[in-house]
Each structure stands twice: as structure tokens, then as C-alpha cells.
Amino acid sequence: MSRKKQIDSEEYKNLYASGMSFNKMAKHFGCGVSTIQNMRLRLSLPIRERVYDRKEIDEIKFLELWGEGKTYREIADELGVSPNNVMRERLRLGLPDRDPTLMKLDKEKFKDMYLTGDSYEKSQASFTSLIELCKK
């Protein structure tokens, strides 16, 4: 039968206040994550708000990488963000999921059109129209 771990309440409070994750706290104290979560309840500590430090994505660099046909992972690695951020950026910009015609675009025309506000999202034109304009 296993013995219950003794966790110092003050040390727990300090680690919790510093923002240490439950997983790291469990490793620190040598116990399970559920023990750490239960300790928070026993000590009546408030739930911490999650703070997301979203890194801004350079749209021009994103469009270049997307136009080169790179994968979500390759773009994420190059921009220093997660693949989920790459997917959100693609959706925000209204880009279709890996449209093969996108890879044939003149990158400079595409960048110029985007910078001048001629992207489909800004001008309400369809993405197909934008691709056709880039081919000219």
C-alpha cells in the first residue's frame, strides 16, 4: 500500500502563485497531477486564468511560405508559431486549404495586391478572382 505524500502548503502556494503548471508541480513534489489539483481545492486557491501569449504572424512572410506550398508544420517552424496558429491565420486570411492553383501564383503580384488592399477579404472579391488577377 502506498503512503500519501506530504506536501508543504506554503511551498505549494508559492509555486502555484508563480504560475508553475500542475504537471511540473507534480514532478516537483513526486506525486500525481490529481493530488496537486486536489490540493488547490483543499487550500481554496482560485483558478488561474490562462494567459495566451499569441505571437503575431508576419502576413507577408506567411503568404510567401504558403505560396511556396509549404506544410503547416514547415510554416510554423519557420515563423516560430504552432501549426494551429498557421491554420488560424490561413482561415483569417480566407485562404483555401492547399488549393493547387495558389502555388502557381506570381508571388510579387500576390504580395502587392495584398498590401494595396486588393485581397479578396478586403475587397469582397472571390479568392478565385484574386488568383485570376495574379495570373495576368
C-alpha atoms as a PDB file:
ATOM      1  CA  MET A   1       0.000   0.000   0.000  1.00  0.00           C
ATOM      2  CA  SER A   2       1.394   3.400  -0.957  1.00  0.00           C
ATOM      3  CA  ARG A   3       1.884   6.171   1.535  1.00  0.00           C
ATOM      4  CA  LYS A   4       0.370   9.615   0.991  1.00  0.00           C
ATOM      5  CA  LYS A   5       2.876  12.300   0.063  1.00  0.00           C
ATOM      6  CA  GLN A   6       3.206  15.182   2.452  1.00  0.00           C
ATOM      7  CA  ILE A   7       3.065  18.461   0.549  1.00  0.00           C
ATOM      8  CA  ASP A   8       4.120  21.667   2.254  1.00  0.00           C
ATOM      9  CA  SER A   9       1.189  24.090   1.917  1.00  0.00           C
ATOM     10  CA  GLU A  10       3.336  27.235   1.828  1.00  0.00           C
ATOM     11  CA  GLU A  11       5.649  25.821  -0.823  1.00  0.00           C
ATOM     12  CA  TYR A  12       2.609  24.733  -2.836  1.00  0.00           C
ATOM     13  CA  LYS A  13       1.065  28.218  -2.604  1.00  0.00           C
ATOM     14  CA  ASN A  14       4.313  29.852  -3.722  1.00  0.00           C
ATOM     15  CA  LEU A  15       4.700  27.525  -6.707  1.00  0.00           C
ATOM     16  CA  TYR A  16       1.042  27.940  -7.637  1.00  0.00           C
ATOM     17  CA  ALA A  17       1.313  31.743  -7.409  1.00  0.00           C
ATOM     18  CA  SER A  18       4.447  31.687  -9.572  1.00  0.00           C
ATOM     19  CA  GLY A  19       2.429  30.064 -12.363  1.00  0.00           C
ATOM     20  CA  MET A  20       4.055  26.631 -12.301  1.00  0.00           C
ATOM     21  CA  SER A  21       1.926  24.057 -14.136  1.00  0.00           C
ATOM     22  CA  PHE A  22       0.236  21.191 -12.323  1.00  0.00           C
ATOM     23  CA  ASN A  23       2.426  18.715 -14.213  1.00  0.00           C
ATOM     24  CA  LYS A  24       5.637  20.422 -13.099  1.00  0.00           C
ATOM     25  CA  MET A  25       4.344  20.730  -9.547  1.00  0.00           C
ATOM     26  CA  ALA A  26       3.520  17.002  -9.501  1.00  0.00           C
ATOM     27  CA  LYS A  27       7.058  16.164 -10.612  1.00  0.00           C
ATOM     28  CA  HIS A  28       8.478  18.594  -8.056  1.00  0.00           C
ATOM     29  CA  PHE A  29       6.546  17.024  -5.185  1.00  0.00           C
ATOM     30  CA  GLY A  30       6.807  13.468  -6.514  1.00  0.00           C
ATOM     31  CA  CYS A  31       3.088  12.817  -6.722  1.00  0.00           C
ATOM     32  CA  GLY A  32       0.278  12.648  -9.264  1.00  0.00           C
ATOM     33  CA  VAL A  33      -1.360  15.582 -11.016  1.00  0.00           C
ATOM     34  CA  SER A  34      -4.709  14.774  -9.376  1.00  0.00           C
ATOM     35  CA  THR A  35      -3.066  15.172  -5.943  1.00  0.00           C
ATOM     36  CA  ILE A  36      -1.879  18.641  -6.970  1.00  0.00           C
ATOM     37  CA  GLN A  37      -5.321  19.582  -8.304  1.00  0.00           C
ATOM     38  CA  ASN A  38      -6.989  18.348  -5.105  1.00  0.00           C
ATOM     39  CA  MET A  39      -4.510  20.345  -3.032  1.00  0.00           C
ATOM     40  CA  ARG A  40      -5.606  23.525  -4.822  1.00  0.00           C
ATOM     41  CA  LEU A  41      -9.195  22.752  -3.837  1.00  0.00           C
ATOM     42  CA  ARG A  42      -8.263  21.976  -0.212  1.00  0.00           C
ATOM     43  CA  LEU A  43      -6.366  25.264   0.055  1.00  0.00           C
ATOM     44  CA  SER A  44      -9.280  27.157  -1.622  1.00  0.00           C
ATOM     45  CA  LEU A  45      -6.971  28.752  -4.164  1.00  0.00           C
ATOM     46  CA  PRO A  46      -8.639  30.478  -7.117  1.00  0.00           C
ATOM     47  CA  ILE A  47      -8.459  29.004 -10.597  1.00  0.00           C
ATOM     48  CA  ARG A  48      -5.720  30.693 -12.591  1.00  0.00           C
ATOM     49  CA  GLU A  49      -6.720  32.420 -15.785  1.00  0.00           C
ATOM     50  CA  ARG A  50      -4.936  31.153 -18.828  1.00  0.00           C
ATOM     51  CA  VAL A  51      -2.780  33.737 -20.456  1.00  0.00           C
ATOM     52  CA  TYR A  52      -2.068  33.163 -24.096  1.00  0.00           C
ATOM     53  CA  ASP A  53       0.899  34.972 -25.488  1.00  0.00           C
ATOM     54  CA  ARG A  54      -0.055  34.836 -29.126  1.00  0.00           C
ATOM     55  CA  LYS A  55       2.793  35.673 -31.366  1.00  0.00           C
ATOM     56  CA  GLU A  56       1.941  37.975 -34.230  1.00  0.00           C
ATOM     57  CA  ILE A  57       2.405  36.317 -37.599  1.00  0.00           C
ATOM     58  CA  ASP A  58       4.092  38.291 -40.350  1.00  0.00           C
ATOM     59  CA  GLU A  59       1.392  38.123 -43.033  1.00  0.00           C
ATOM     60  CA  ILE A  60       3.743  38.762 -45.941  1.00  0.00           C
ATOM     61  CA  LYS A  61       6.145  36.029 -44.830  1.00  0.00           C
ATOM     62  CA  PHE A  62       3.145  33.757 -44.207  1.00  0.00           C
ATOM     63  CA  LEU A  63       1.807  34.350 -47.721  1.00  0.00           C
ATOM     64  CA  GLU A  64       5.238  33.691 -49.238  1.00  0.00           C
ATOM     65  CA  LEU A  65       5.587  30.393 -47.389  1.00  0.00           C
ATOM     66  CA  TRP A  66       2.009  29.417 -48.183  1.00  0.00           C
ATOM     67  CA  GLY A  67       2.554  30.247 -51.845  1.00  0.00           C
ATOM     68  CA  GLU A  68       5.665  28.041 -51.889  1.00  0.00           C
ATOM     69  CA  GLY A  69       3.431  25.112 -50.940  1.00  0.00           C
ATOM     70  CA  LYS A  70       4.990  24.520 -47.525  1.00  0.00           C
ATOM     71  CA  THR A  71       3.125  22.417 -44.974  1.00  0.00           C
ATOM     72  CA  TYR A  72       1.576  23.793 -41.783  1.00  0.00           C
ATOM     73  CA  ARG A  73       4.495  22.337 -39.796  1.00  0.00           C
ATOM     74  CA  GLU A  74       7.134  23.868 -42.099  1.00  0.00           C
ATOM     75  CA  ILE A  75       5.465  27.286 -41.967  1.00  0.00           C
ATOM     76  CA  ALA A  76       5.059  27.025 -38.177  1.00  0.00           C
ATOM     77  CA  ASP A  77       8.731  26.134 -37.708  1.00  0.00           C
ATOM     78  CA  GLU A  78       9.883  28.992 -39.904  1.00  0.00           C
ATOM     79  CA  LEU A  79       7.618  31.575 -38.209  1.00  0.00           C
ATOM     80  CA  GLY A  80       8.160  30.228 -34.692  1.00  0.00           C
ATOM     81  CA  VAL A  81       4.477  29.501 -34.002  1.00  0.00           C
ATOM     82  CA  SER A  82       2.342  26.376 -33.652  1.00  0.00           C
ATOM     83  CA  PRO A  83       0.701  24.632 -36.623  1.00  0.00           C
ATOM     84  CA  ASN A  84      -2.670  25.601 -35.114  1.00  0.00           C
ATOM     85  CA  ASN A  85      -1.688  29.266 -35.378  1.00  0.00           C
ATOM     86  CA  VAL A  86      -0.829  28.671 -39.031  1.00  0.00           C
ATOM     87  CA  MET A  87      -4.264  27.153 -39.619  1.00  0.00           C
ATOM     88  CA  ARG A  88      -5.981  30.083 -37.842  1.00  0.00           C
ATOM     89  CA  GLU A  89      -4.002  32.562 -39.950  1.00  0.00           C
ATOM     90  CA  ARG A  90      -4.998  30.714 -43.135  1.00  0.00           C
ATOM     91  CA  LEU A  91      -8.646  30.888 -42.099  1.00  0.00           C
ATOM     92  CA  ARG A  92      -8.349  34.550 -41.072  1.00  0.00           C
ATOM     93  CA  LEU A  93      -6.925  35.438 -44.470  1.00  0.00           C
ATOM     94  CA  GLY A  94      -9.575  33.378 -46.227  1.00  0.00           C
ATOM     95  CA  LEU A  95      -7.099  31.117 -47.971  1.00  0.00           C
ATOM     96  CA  PRO A  96      -8.404  27.771 -49.177  1.00  0.00           C
ATOM     97  CA  ASP A  97      -6.855  24.616 -47.820  1.00  0.00           C
ATOM     98  CA  ARG A  98      -3.979  23.818 -50.191  1.00  0.00           C
ATOM     99  CA  ASP A  99      -5.500  24.995 -53.480  1.00  0.00           C
ATOM    100  CA  PRO A 100      -3.009  23.825 -56.137  1.00  0.00           C
ATOM    101  CA  THR A 101      -3.554  26.992 -58.196  1.00  0.00           C
ATOM    102  CA  LEU A 102      -2.220  29.063 -55.301  1.00  0.00           C
ATOM    103  CA  MET A 103       1.198  27.522 -55.787  1.00  0.00           C
ATOM    104  CA  LYS A 104       1.354  28.816 -59.364  1.00  0.00           C
ATOM    105  CA  LEU A 105       0.799  32.469 -58.409  1.00  0.00           C
ATOM    106  CA  ASP A 106       3.298  35.194 -59.103  1.00  0.00           C
ATOM    107  CA  LYS A 107       4.360  35.853 -55.502  1.00  0.00           C
ATOM    108  CA  GLU A 108       5.243  39.503 -56.089  1.00  0.00           C
ATOM    109  CA  LYS A 109       1.844  40.251 -57.648  1.00  0.00           C
ATOM    110  CA  PHE A 110       0.113  38.472 -54.787  1.00  0.00           C
ATOM    111  CA  LYS A 111       2.086  40.460 -52.187  1.00  0.00           C
ATOM    112  CA  ASP A 112       1.433  43.767 -53.966  1.00  0.00           C
ATOM    113  CA  MET A 113      -2.271  43.044 -54.233  1.00  0.00           C
ATOM    114  CA  TYR A 114      -2.476  42.109 -50.588  1.00  0.00           C
ATOM    115  CA  LEU A 115      -0.545  45.197 -49.440  1.00  0.00           C
ATOM    116  CA  THR A 116      -2.702  47.541 -51.502  1.00  0.00           C
ATOM    117  CA  GLY A 117      -5.865  46.062 -50.037  1.00  0.00           C
ATOM    118  CA  ASP A 118      -6.875  44.112 -53.109  1.00  0.00           C
ATOM    119  CA  SER A 119      -7.092  40.822 -51.251  1.00  0.00           C
ATOM    120  CA  TYR A 120     -10.451  39.143 -51.514  1.00  0.00           C
ATOM    121  CA  GLU A 121     -11.170  39.661 -47.827  1.00  0.00           C
ATOM    122  CA  LYS A 122     -10.704  43.414 -48.084  1.00  0.00           C
ATOM    123  CA  SER A 123     -12.339  43.989 -51.466  1.00  0.00           C
ATOM    124  CA  GLN A 124     -15.055  41.300 -51.158  1.00  0.00           C
ATOM    125  CA  ALA A 125     -13.904  39.726 -54.440  1.00  0.00           C
ATOM    126  CA  SER A 126     -13.736  35.962 -54.563  1.00  0.00           C
ATOM    127  CA  PHE A 127     -10.459  34.175 -54.000  1.00  0.00           C
ATOM    128  CA  THR A 128     -10.752  32.729 -57.493  1.00  0.00           C
ATOM    129  CA  SER A 129     -10.826  36.262 -58.881  1.00  0.00           C
ATOM    130  CA  LEU A 130      -7.698  37.103 -56.933  1.00  0.00           C
ATOM    131  CA  ILE A 131      -5.921  34.063 -58.379  1.00  0.00           C
ATOM    132  CA  GLU A 132      -7.031  35.008 -61.892  1.00  0.00           C
ATOM    133  CA  LEU A 133      -5.721  38.574 -61.396  1.00  0.00           C
ATOM    134  CA  CYS A 134      -2.355  37.205 -60.251  1.00  0.00           C
ATOM    135  CA  LYS A 135      -2.062  35.033 -63.354  1.00  0.00           C
ATOM    136  CA  LYS A 136      -2.333  38.055 -65.658  1.00  0.00           C
END
